[in-house]
């Protein structure tokens, strides 16, 4: 699920993507200035980063990974005040100090230019990957904020991020509540869009096996679903997670999700695995970049879905996780 999924209209796919990128950038602006010290993982980047290492190239091979890089265009010129985007930019400049919103303005201007960021990020991994010809460590982010670290896997999140540690401690109560509601069809019928499929054409890689039950969407709680899962909603809120989206996600047995990007580099994805068939036997796996790991019940993981990733449920039963989309720690 991408940050801006669920917006569907009859315009062309290009116009929809541009509108959604603008919405993402605007959403970022307000959350950036409201999250405060919620981002405490490591040091913050203080500049926009160099783009001199990027070069124009493109190639694809049979694993569905688009191996290409792009040059970030200049964003030094202000947007025209005669446009909607220009008026929003001016309003931001009037409200905030320029030094405080430099990256926000850059991201806004890139979205208005229709820029789609593509970069080989193997050199940022630990240990680094240098074989760009075969590596899967490529980032694709039409919604892009320069200067953010691109780690496929954010290891030790459970120990270094207070909100992840809190969610991990709440695993049993979240799982118990989830299995209780799932066993009562009359309760599920009170929910909103229970186990809905991906709503945008950009999410086609998820296939028919992926369904969601949304608790929080773009910072807004779904009242019906939050009432169905009060313990889970309370655990998310009390954890202090800098969360933009929260939902349960199911995956049918013997299904897979194709390699894809979620298109946004300023949001990371976290999973709390709830029900994993044959837990510990490597039947349910997630690949991000060049590394594949299995879901393990109760173990919080954090990863970057702007990097190509895919998944598989190789078991004979349904797999269930609690999924959060959280603001990037470097913001």
Protein backbone atom coordinates (compact mmCIF):
# COMPACT_ATOMS: atom_id res chain seq x y z
CA UNK A 1 0.00 0.00 0.00
CA UNK A 2 1.39 3.37 -0.92
CA UNK A 3 1.02 6.46 1.22
CA UNK A 4 -1.53 8.07 -1.05
CA UNK A 5 -3.48 4.98 -2.09
CA UNK A 6 -7.25 5.12 -2.12
CA UNK A 7 -7.66 8.19 -4.32
CA UNK A 8 -9.40 7.11 -7.48
CA UNK A 9 -10.80 9.26 -10.26
CA UNK A 10 -11.25 9.23 -14.03
CA UNK A 11 -8.29 11.38 -15.04
CA UNK A 12 -5.28 10.01 -16.83
CA UNK A 13 -2.76 8.04 -14.78
CA UNK A 14 -0.18 10.80 -15.23
CA UNK A 15 -2.49 13.48 -13.85
CA UNK A 16 -3.46 11.25 -10.95
CA UNK A 17 0.17 10.57 -10.09
CA UNK A 18 0.99 14.27 -10.16
CA UNK A 19 -1.96 15.11 -7.93
CA UNK A 20 -1.01 12.37 -5.48
CA UNK A 21 2.62 13.48 -5.38
CA UNK A 22 1.48 17.00 -4.56
CA UNK A 23 -0.77 15.67 -1.82
CA UNK A 24 2.12 13.64 -0.39
CA UNK A 25 4.39 16.68 -0.36
CA UNK A 26 1.75 18.82 1.32
CA UNK A 27 1.03 16.09 3.87
CA UNK A 28 4.76 15.88 4.57
CA UNK A 29 4.88 19.62 5.27
CA UNK A 30 2.32 19.55 8.04
CA UNK A 31 3.56 16.32 9.62
CA UNK A 32 7.15 17.51 9.44
CA UNK A 33 6.31 20.44 11.67
CA UNK A 34 4.01 18.53 14.02
CA UNK A 35 6.05 15.40 14.80
CA UNK A 36 8.76 17.18 16.80
CA UNK A 37 11.20 14.82 18.50
CA UNK A 38 9.36 11.65 17.49
CA UNK A 39 12.23 11.03 15.08
CA UNK A 40 15.17 10.04 17.23
CA UNK A 41 16.92 7.30 15.26
CA UNK A 42 20.50 8.36 14.58
CA UNK A 43 21.73 11.75 13.39
CA UNK A 44 19.83 14.03 11.03
CA UNK A 45 21.18 15.03 7.67
CA UNK A 46 21.84 18.76 7.43
CA UNK A 47 22.08 19.21 3.67
CA UNK A 48 20.40 18.12 0.47
CA UNK A 49 23.22 15.81 -0.51
CA UNK A 50 25.28 15.72 -3.67
CA UNK A 51 23.81 14.54 -6.95
CA UNK A 52 27.10 14.51 -8.83
CA UNK A 53 27.32 10.70 -8.67
CA UNK A 54 24.07 10.23 -10.58
CA UNK A 55 24.17 9.48 -14.27
CA UNK A 56 21.53 8.85 -16.92
CA UNK A 57 21.11 5.18 -17.73
CA UNK A 58 18.38 2.57 -17.87
CA UNK A 59 18.17 -1.20 -18.09
CA UNK A 60 15.81 -4.00 -17.15
CA UNK A 61 16.37 -7.70 -16.72
CA UNK A 62 13.96 -10.58 -16.18
CA UNK A 63 13.50 -10.08 -12.41
CA UNK A 64 11.20 -7.03 -12.95
CA UNK A 65 13.68 -4.60 -11.35
CA UNK A 66 14.13 -1.37 -13.31
CA UNK A 67 17.83 -0.59 -12.99
CA UNK A 68 18.16 3.08 -13.78
CA UNK A 69 19.36 6.33 -12.24
CA UNK A 70 18.29 9.92 -12.78
CA UNK A 71 19.78 13.36 -12.35
CA UNK A 72 17.96 15.58 -9.87
CA UNK A 73 16.92 18.75 -11.74
CA UNK A 74 17.54 22.24 -10.43
CA UNK A 75 14.92 23.57 -8.05
CA UNK A 76 16.46 26.99 -7.48
CA UNK A 77 13.72 28.90 -9.31
CA UNK A 78 10.54 29.65 -7.33
CA UNK A 79 7.25 28.39 -8.72
CA UNK A 80 4.98 30.84 -10.48
CA UNK A 81 2.49 32.52 -8.16
CA UNK A 82 -0.08 32.20 -10.94
CA UNK A 83 -0.30 28.46 -10.28
CA UNK A 84 -1.83 26.49 -7.43
CA UNK A 85 1.56 24.96 -6.60
CA UNK A 86 3.16 28.40 -6.58
CA UNK A 87 0.51 29.77 -4.22
CA UNK A 88 1.01 26.87 -1.81
CA UNK A 89 4.77 27.41 -1.94
CA UNK A 90 4.37 31.10 -1.17
CA UNK A 91 2.05 30.36 1.73
CA UNK A 92 4.64 28.00 3.20
CA UNK A 93 7.40 30.56 2.75
CA UNK A 94 5.26 33.17 4.51
CA UNK A 95 4.54 30.90 7.45
CA UNK A 96 7.91 29.23 8.05
CA UNK A 97 11.54 30.31 8.02
CA UNK A 98 13.16 29.29 4.71
CA UNK A 99 15.94 27.43 6.54
CA UNK A 100 13.32 25.26 8.28
CA UNK A 101 11.55 24.11 5.12
CA UNK A 102 14.36 23.90 2.57
CA UNK A 103 13.84 20.21 1.87
CA UNK A 104 10.06 20.56 1.85
CA UNK A 105 10.24 23.28 -0.79
CA UNK A 106 12.72 21.24 -2.83
CA UNK A 107 10.42 18.22 -2.70
CA UNK A 108 7.42 20.37 -3.65
CA UNK A 109 9.21 21.81 -6.67
CA UNK A 110 10.41 18.38 -7.79
CA UNK A 111 6.82 17.09 -7.64
CA UNK A 112 5.64 20.05 -9.69
CA UNK A 113 8.32 19.26 -12.28
CA UNK A 114 7.03 15.70 -12.50
CA UNK A 115 10.41 14.34 -11.40
CA UNK A 116 10.67 10.62 -10.56
CA UNK A 117 13.79 9.83 -8.57
CA UNK A 118 15.68 6.64 -9.44
CA UNK A 119 18.98 5.75 -7.81
CA UNK A 120 21.23 2.77 -7.12
CA UNK A 121 21.51 2.73 -3.32
CA UNK A 122 23.60 -0.42 -2.86
CA UNK A 123 26.50 1.67 -1.59
CA UNK A 124 24.38 2.83 1.36
CA UNK A 125 23.75 -0.68 2.66
CA UNK A 126 25.64 -2.45 5.45
CA UNK A 127 27.70 -4.09 4.08
CA UNK A 128 27.62 -2.13 0.82
CA UNK A 129 26.64 -3.68 -2.51
CA UNK A 130 28.68 -2.57 -5.51
CA UNK A 131 27.43 -4.71 -8.41
CA UNK A 132 24.81 -2.37 -9.85
CA UNK A 133 24.26 -4.64 -12.85
CA UNK A 134 22.70 -7.44 -10.80
CA UNK A 135 21.76 -5.79 -7.49
CA UNK A 136 18.12 -5.16 -6.55
CA UNK A 137 19.04 -2.11 -4.42
CA UNK A 138 17.36 0.48 -6.63
CA UNK A 139 15.18 3.25 -5.30
CA UNK A 140 12.17 4.58 -7.22
CA UNK A 141 10.49 7.59 -5.59
CA UNK A 142 8.26 10.00 -7.53
CA UNK A 143 7.51 11.51 -4.07
CA UNK A 144 11.04 12.38 -3.06
CA UNK A 145 12.86 14.38 -0.38
CA UNK A 146 16.62 14.67 -1.10
CA UNK A 147 19.16 13.86 1.58
CA UNK A 148 17.39 10.97 3.32
CA UNK A 149 19.26 7.75 4.06
CA UNK A 150 18.13 4.82 1.88
CA UNK A 151 18.64 1.68 3.97
CA UNK A 152 16.81 -1.42 2.81
CA UNK A 153 16.62 -2.76 6.37
CA UNK A 154 16.74 -0.60 9.50
CA UNK A 155 18.24 -3.21 11.80
CA UNK A 156 17.83 -3.03 15.58
CA UNK A 157 14.79 -0.77 15.28
CA UNK A 158 13.14 -2.82 18.02
CA UNK A 159 15.97 -1.88 20.39
CA UNK A 160 16.79 1.66 19.24
CA UNK A 161 13.34 3.12 18.59
CA UNK A 162 11.11 3.54 21.64
CA UNK A 163 7.90 3.21 19.64
CA UNK A 164 9.04 -0.07 18.05
CA UNK A 165 9.97 -1.47 21.46
CA UNK A 166 6.56 -0.44 22.80
CA UNK A 167 4.72 -2.16 19.92
CA UNK A 168 6.75 -5.31 20.41
CA UNK A 169 5.75 -5.42 24.07
CA UNK A 170 2.09 -5.09 23.03
CA UNK A 171 2.30 -8.01 20.60
CA UNK A 172 0.33 -10.52 22.64
CA UNK A 173 -2.58 -8.17 23.40
CA UNK A 174 -2.71 -7.02 19.75
CA UNK A 175 -2.65 -10.58 18.47
CA UNK A 176 -5.27 -11.76 20.99
CA UNK A 177 -7.62 -8.94 20.02
CA UNK A 178 -7.07 -9.57 16.32
CA UNK A 179 -7.76 -13.30 16.50
CA UNK A 180 -10.82 -12.67 18.68
CA UNK A 181 -12.38 -10.25 16.20
CA UNK A 182 -11.44 -12.44 13.25
CA UNK A 183 -13.29 -15.36 14.82
CA UNK A 184 -16.49 -13.32 15.14
CA UNK A 185 -17.98 -12.51 11.70
CA UNK A 186 -20.73 -10.42 13.29
CA UNK A 187 -18.08 -8.06 14.70
CA UNK A 188 -16.22 -7.80 11.39
CA UNK A 189 -19.46 -6.82 9.67
CA UNK A 190 -19.43 -3.61 11.73
CA UNK A 191 -16.13 -2.56 10.18
CA UNK A 192 -15.42 -0.25 7.27
CA UNK A 193 -13.91 -1.66 4.02
CA UNK A 194 -12.88 -4.85 5.79
CA UNK A 195 -10.18 -6.69 3.84
CA UNK A 196 -10.24 -4.35 0.87
CA UNK A 197 -7.89 -4.85 -2.05
CA UNK A 198 -5.44 -2.24 -3.37
CA UNK A 199 -7.42 0.70 -4.71
CA UNK A 200 -4.94 2.33 -7.07
CA UNK A 201 -3.58 1.05 -10.36
CA UNK A 202 -0.09 1.81 -9.04
CA UNK A 203 -0.60 -1.01 -6.51
CA UNK A 204 -1.23 -3.76 -9.05
CA UNK A 205 2.00 -5.52 -8.03
CA UNK A 206 0.29 -6.61 -4.82
CA UNK A 207 -2.01 -8.96 -6.73
CA UNK A 208 -5.24 -10.52 -5.52
CA UNK A 209 -3.70 -12.17 -2.46
CA UNK A 210 -3.09 -8.91 -0.54
CA UNK A 211 -5.94 -7.34 1.47
CA UNK A 212 -6.05 -4.66 4.16
CA UNK A 213 -8.16 -3.55 7.11
CA UNK A 214 -7.36 0.10 7.75
CA UNK A 215 -7.11 1.64 11.22
CA UNK A 216 -5.38 4.92 10.35
CA UNK A 217 -5.12 6.53 6.91
CA UNK A 218 -3.03 9.68 6.24
CA UNK A 219 -3.16 10.57 9.93
CA UNK A 220 -6.94 10.10 10.28
CA UNK A 221 -8.37 7.26 12.37
CA UNK A 222 -11.15 5.16 10.92
CA UNK A 223 -13.64 5.41 13.78
CA UNK A 224 -15.48 2.17 13.02
CA UNK A 225 -12.36 0.06 12.69
CA UNK A 226 -10.62 1.69 15.66
CA UNK A 227 -13.63 0.73 17.80
CA UNK A 228 -13.34 -2.84 16.55
CA UNK A 229 -9.71 -2.95 17.68
CA UNK A 230 -9.44 -0.63 20.73
CA UNK A 231 -6.42 -2.37 22.27
CA UNK A 232 -4.49 -2.23 19.01
CA UNK A 233 -5.41 1.41 18.37
CA UNK A 234 -4.42 2.31 21.91
CA UNK A 235 -1.10 0.47 21.59
CA UNK A 236 -0.27 2.35 18.38
CA UNK A 237 -1.19 5.70 19.92
CA UNK A 238 0.65 5.10 23.20
CA UNK A 239 3.78 3.87 21.41
CA UNK A 240 4.41 7.38 20.10
CA UNK A 241 5.12 6.05 16.62
CA UNK A 242 5.37 8.85 13.99
CA UNK A 243 2.70 7.05 12.02
CA UNK A 244 0.98 8.13 8.80
CA UNK A 245 -0.89 4.87 8.17
CA UNK A 246 -1.75 1.80 10.20
CA UNK A 247 -3.61 -1.29 9.02
CA UNK A 248 -3.82 -5.04 9.24
CA UNK A 249 -2.68 -6.82 6.09
CA UNK A 250 -3.51 -10.35 5.01
CA UNK A 251 -1.79 -12.50 2.43
CA UNK A 252 -3.39 -15.61 0.97
CA UNK A 253 -1.54 -18.94 0.92
CA UNK A 254 0.55 -19.76 -2.11
CA UNK A 255 0.59 -16.15 -3.35
CA UNK A 256 3.33 -13.64 -3.99
CA UNK A 257 3.80 -9.90 -4.46
CA UNK A 258 5.90 -8.81 -7.42
CA UNK A 259 8.98 -6.57 -7.04
CA UNK A 260 7.81 -2.97 -6.78
CA UNK A 261 8.38 0.37 -5.08
CA UNK A 262 5.86 2.25 -2.93
CA UNK A 263 7.09 5.49 -4.58
CA UNK A 264 7.79 7.56 -1.42
CA UNK A 265 11.22 7.89 0.21
CA UNK A 266 10.22 9.98 3.22
CA UNK A 267 8.07 7.21 4.72
CA UNK A 268 9.35 3.85 5.99
CA UNK A 269 7.32 0.68 6.56
CA UNK A 270 7.14 -1.33 9.76
CA UNK A 271 5.58 -4.78 10.25
CA UNK A 272 4.49 -6.47 13.47
CA UNK A 273 3.86 -10.07 12.36
CA UNK A 274 0.76 -11.45 14.10
CA UNK A 275 -0.06 -14.81 12.53
CA UNK A 276 2.72 -16.44 10.51
CA UNK A 277 2.03 -19.98 9.22
CA UNK A 278 4.79 -22.40 10.17
CA UNK A 279 6.46 -19.60 12.10
CA UNK A 280 10.25 -19.93 11.92
CA UNK A 281 10.22 -22.38 9.00
CA UNK A 282 10.87 -19.72 6.33
CA UNK A 283 7.54 -20.16 4.56
CA UNK A 284 6.58 -16.46 4.65
CA UNK A 285 9.33 -14.22 3.32
CA UNK A 286 9.99 -10.58 2.49
CA UNK A 287 12.77 -9.35 0.22
CA UNK A 288 14.01 -5.74 0.26
CA UNK A 289 16.92 -4.87 -1.98
CA UNK A 290 19.31 -7.82 -2.04
CA UNK A 291 18.28 -9.46 1.23
CA UNK A 292 15.41 -11.85 2.01
CA UNK A 293 14.13 -12.39 5.55
CA UNK A 294 11.25 -14.32 7.05
CA UNK A 295 8.46 -12.80 9.12
CA UNK A 296 8.66 -13.95 12.75
CA UNK A 297 5.69 -13.51 15.05
CA UNK A 298 6.11 -10.62 17.48
CA UNK A 299 9.34 -9.28 15.94
CA UNK A 300 9.02 -5.69 14.70
CA UNK A 301 10.85 -4.96 11.45
CA UNK A 302 11.47 -1.62 9.72
CA UNK A 303 12.42 -1.23 6.07
CA UNK A 304 12.40 1.20 3.14
CA UNK A 305 9.70 0.46 0.56
CA UNK A 306 10.97 3.07 -1.89
CA UNK A 307 13.57 0.35 -2.62
CA UNK A 308 12.36 -2.56 -4.73
CA UNK A 309 10.79 -5.24 -2.54
CA UNK A 310 8.61 -8.32 -2.89
CA UNK A 311 7.01 -11.00 -0.73
CA UNK A 312 5.76 -14.57 -0.75
CA UNK A 313 3.49 -16.75 1.35
CA UNK A 314 4.66 -20.24 0.52
CA UNK A 315 2.47 -21.88 3.17
CA UNK A 316 -1.04 -23.35 3.07
CA UNK A 317 -2.56 -20.78 5.45
CA UNK A 318 -3.28 -17.05 5.66
CA UNK A 319 -0.56 -14.71 6.89
CA UNK A 320 -1.52 -11.63 8.97
CA UNK A 321 0.56 -8.62 10.03
CA UNK A 322 0.02 -5.18 11.56
CA UNK A 323 1.61 -2.66 9.19
CA UNK A 324 2.61 0.92 9.93
CA UNK A 325 3.87 3.59 7.57
CA UNK A 326 6.08 5.93 9.61
CA UNK A 327 7.88 9.16 8.79
CA UNK A 328 11.55 8.72 7.92
CA UNK A 329 13.84 9.20 10.97
CA UNK A 330 16.11 11.62 9.04
CA UNK A 331 13.35 14.23 8.61
